C-alpha atoms as a PDB file:
ATOM      1  CA  LYS A   1       7.642 -18.415  -4.953  1.00  0.00           C
ATOM      2  CA  PRO A   2       9.356 -15.614  -2.049  1.00  0.00           C
ATOM      3  CA  ASP A   3       8.410 -16.126   1.176  1.00  0.00           C
ATOM      4  CA  LYS A   4       6.734 -13.499   3.979  1.00  0.00           C
ATOM      5  CA  GLU A   5      10.287 -12.790   5.500  1.00  0.00           C
ATOM      6  CA  LEU A   6      11.864 -11.996   1.931  1.00  0.00           C
ATOM      7  CA  ILE A   7       8.766  -9.802   0.778  1.00  0.00           C
ATOM      8  CA  THR A   8       8.954  -8.067   4.306  1.00  0.00           C
ATOM      9  CA  LEU A   9      12.696  -7.146   3.840  1.00  0.00           C
ATOM     10  CA  LYS A  10      12.269  -5.960   0.410  1.00  0.00           C
ATOM     11  CA  TYR A  11       9.455  -3.625   1.559  1.00  0.00           C
ATOM     12  CA  LEU A  12      11.316  -2.265   4.197  1.00  0.00           C
ATOM     13  CA  GLU A  13      14.666  -1.451   1.896  1.00  0.00           C
ATOM     14  CA  MET A  14      11.950   0.148  -0.345  1.00  0.00           C
ATOM     15  CA  LEU A  15      10.484   2.445   2.140  1.00  0.00           C
ATOM     16  CA  PRO A  16      13.174   4.966   1.806  1.00  0.00           C
ATOM     17  CA  ASN A  17      12.855   5.155  -1.778  1.00  0.00           C
ATOM     18  CA  LEU A  18       9.146   6.073  -1.235  1.00  0.00           C
ATOM     19  CA  ALA A  19       9.916   9.602   0.122  1.00  0.00           C
ATOM     20  CA  ASP A  20      12.108  10.323  -2.929  1.00  0.00           C
ATOM     21  CA  GLY A  21       9.337  10.252  -5.473  1.00  0.00           C
ATOM     22  CA  THR A  22       6.878  12.868  -6.440  1.00  0.00           C
ATOM     23  CA  ALA A  23       4.185  10.480  -5.847  1.00  0.00           C
ATOM     24  CA  ASN A  24       1.385  11.029  -3.549  1.00  0.00           C
ATOM     25  CA  LYS A  25      -0.060   7.926  -2.825  1.00  0.00           C
ATOM     26  CA  ILE A  26       1.226   4.994  -0.646  1.00  0.00           C
ATOM     27  CA  PHE A  27       0.159   1.288  -1.313  1.00  0.00           C
ATOM     28  CA  LEU A  28       0.564  -0.391   2.323  1.00  0.00           C
ATOM     29  CA  PRO A  29       0.271  -4.303   2.354  1.00  0.00           C
ATOM     30  CA  TYR A  30      -2.921  -5.642   4.257  1.00  0.00           C
ATOM     31  CA  GLU A  31      -0.996  -6.817   7.457  1.00  0.00           C
ATOM     32  CA  ALA A  32       0.213  -3.205   7.596  1.00  0.00           C
ATOM     33  CA  SER A  33      -2.841  -2.069   7.548  1.00  0.00           C
ATOM     34  CA  GLY A  34      -4.243  -3.895  10.272  1.00  0.00           C
ATOM     35  CA  ILE A  35      -1.423  -2.621  12.472  1.00  0.00           C
ATOM     36  CA  ILE A  36      -2.099   1.241  11.687  1.00  0.00           C
ATOM     37  CA  ALA A  37      -5.941   0.462  12.212  1.00  0.00           C
ATOM     38  CA  ALA A  38      -4.891  -1.220  15.687  1.00  0.00           C
ATOM     39  CA  LEU A  39      -2.555   1.828  16.741  1.00  0.00           C
ATOM     40  CA  SER A  40      -5.447   4.603  15.635  1.00  0.00           C
ATOM     41  CA  VAL A  41      -8.135   2.379  17.979  1.00  0.00           C
ATOM     42  CA  MET A  42      -5.398   2.797  20.836  1.00  0.00           C
ATOM     43  CA  VAL A  43      -4.496   6.437  19.777  1.00  0.00           C
ATOM     44  CA  GLU A  44      -8.372   7.341  20.174  1.00  0.00           C
ATOM     45  CA  GLY A  45      -8.717   5.075  23.703  1.00  0.00           C
ATOM     46  CA  ILE A  46      -5.797   7.347  25.291  1.00  0.00           C
ATOM     47  CA  LYS A  47      -7.852  10.317  24.004  1.00  0.00           C
ATOM     48  CA  ASP A  48     -10.822   9.580  25.271  1.00  0.00           C
ATOM     49  CA  SER A  49      -9.290   8.506  28.503  1.00  0.00           C
ATOM     50  CA  GLY A  50      -7.557  11.815  28.760  1.00  0.00           C
ATOM     51  CA  THR A  51     -10.622  13.709  28.173  1.00  0.00           C
ATOM     52  CA  ALA A  52     -12.699  11.771  30.781  1.00  0.00           C
ATOM     53  CA  LYS A  53      -9.821  12.221  33.487  1.00  0.00           C
ATOM     54  CA  ALA A  54      -9.966  15.865  32.672  1.00  0.00           C
ATOM     55  CA  THR A  55     -13.742  16.024  33.044  1.00  0.00           C
ATOM     56  CA  ALA A  56     -13.816  14.331  36.360  1.00  0.00           C
ATOM     57  CA  SER A  57     -11.481  16.213  37.907  1.00  0.00           C
ATOM     58  CA  ALA A  58     -13.273  19.400  36.757  1.00  0.00           C
END
């Protein structure tokens, strides 16, 4: 059974090949989707923080 590190390595090696194809869908492993969700929450928080500062200074 392959371990998590080997699967991660193979996935990262495959990423450049994804851009070469004509497919329009990318399947992400569950762990990556969690990271992306966390990043989107942080980005929204930064946007909201910037909006709050702009309205407070106006």
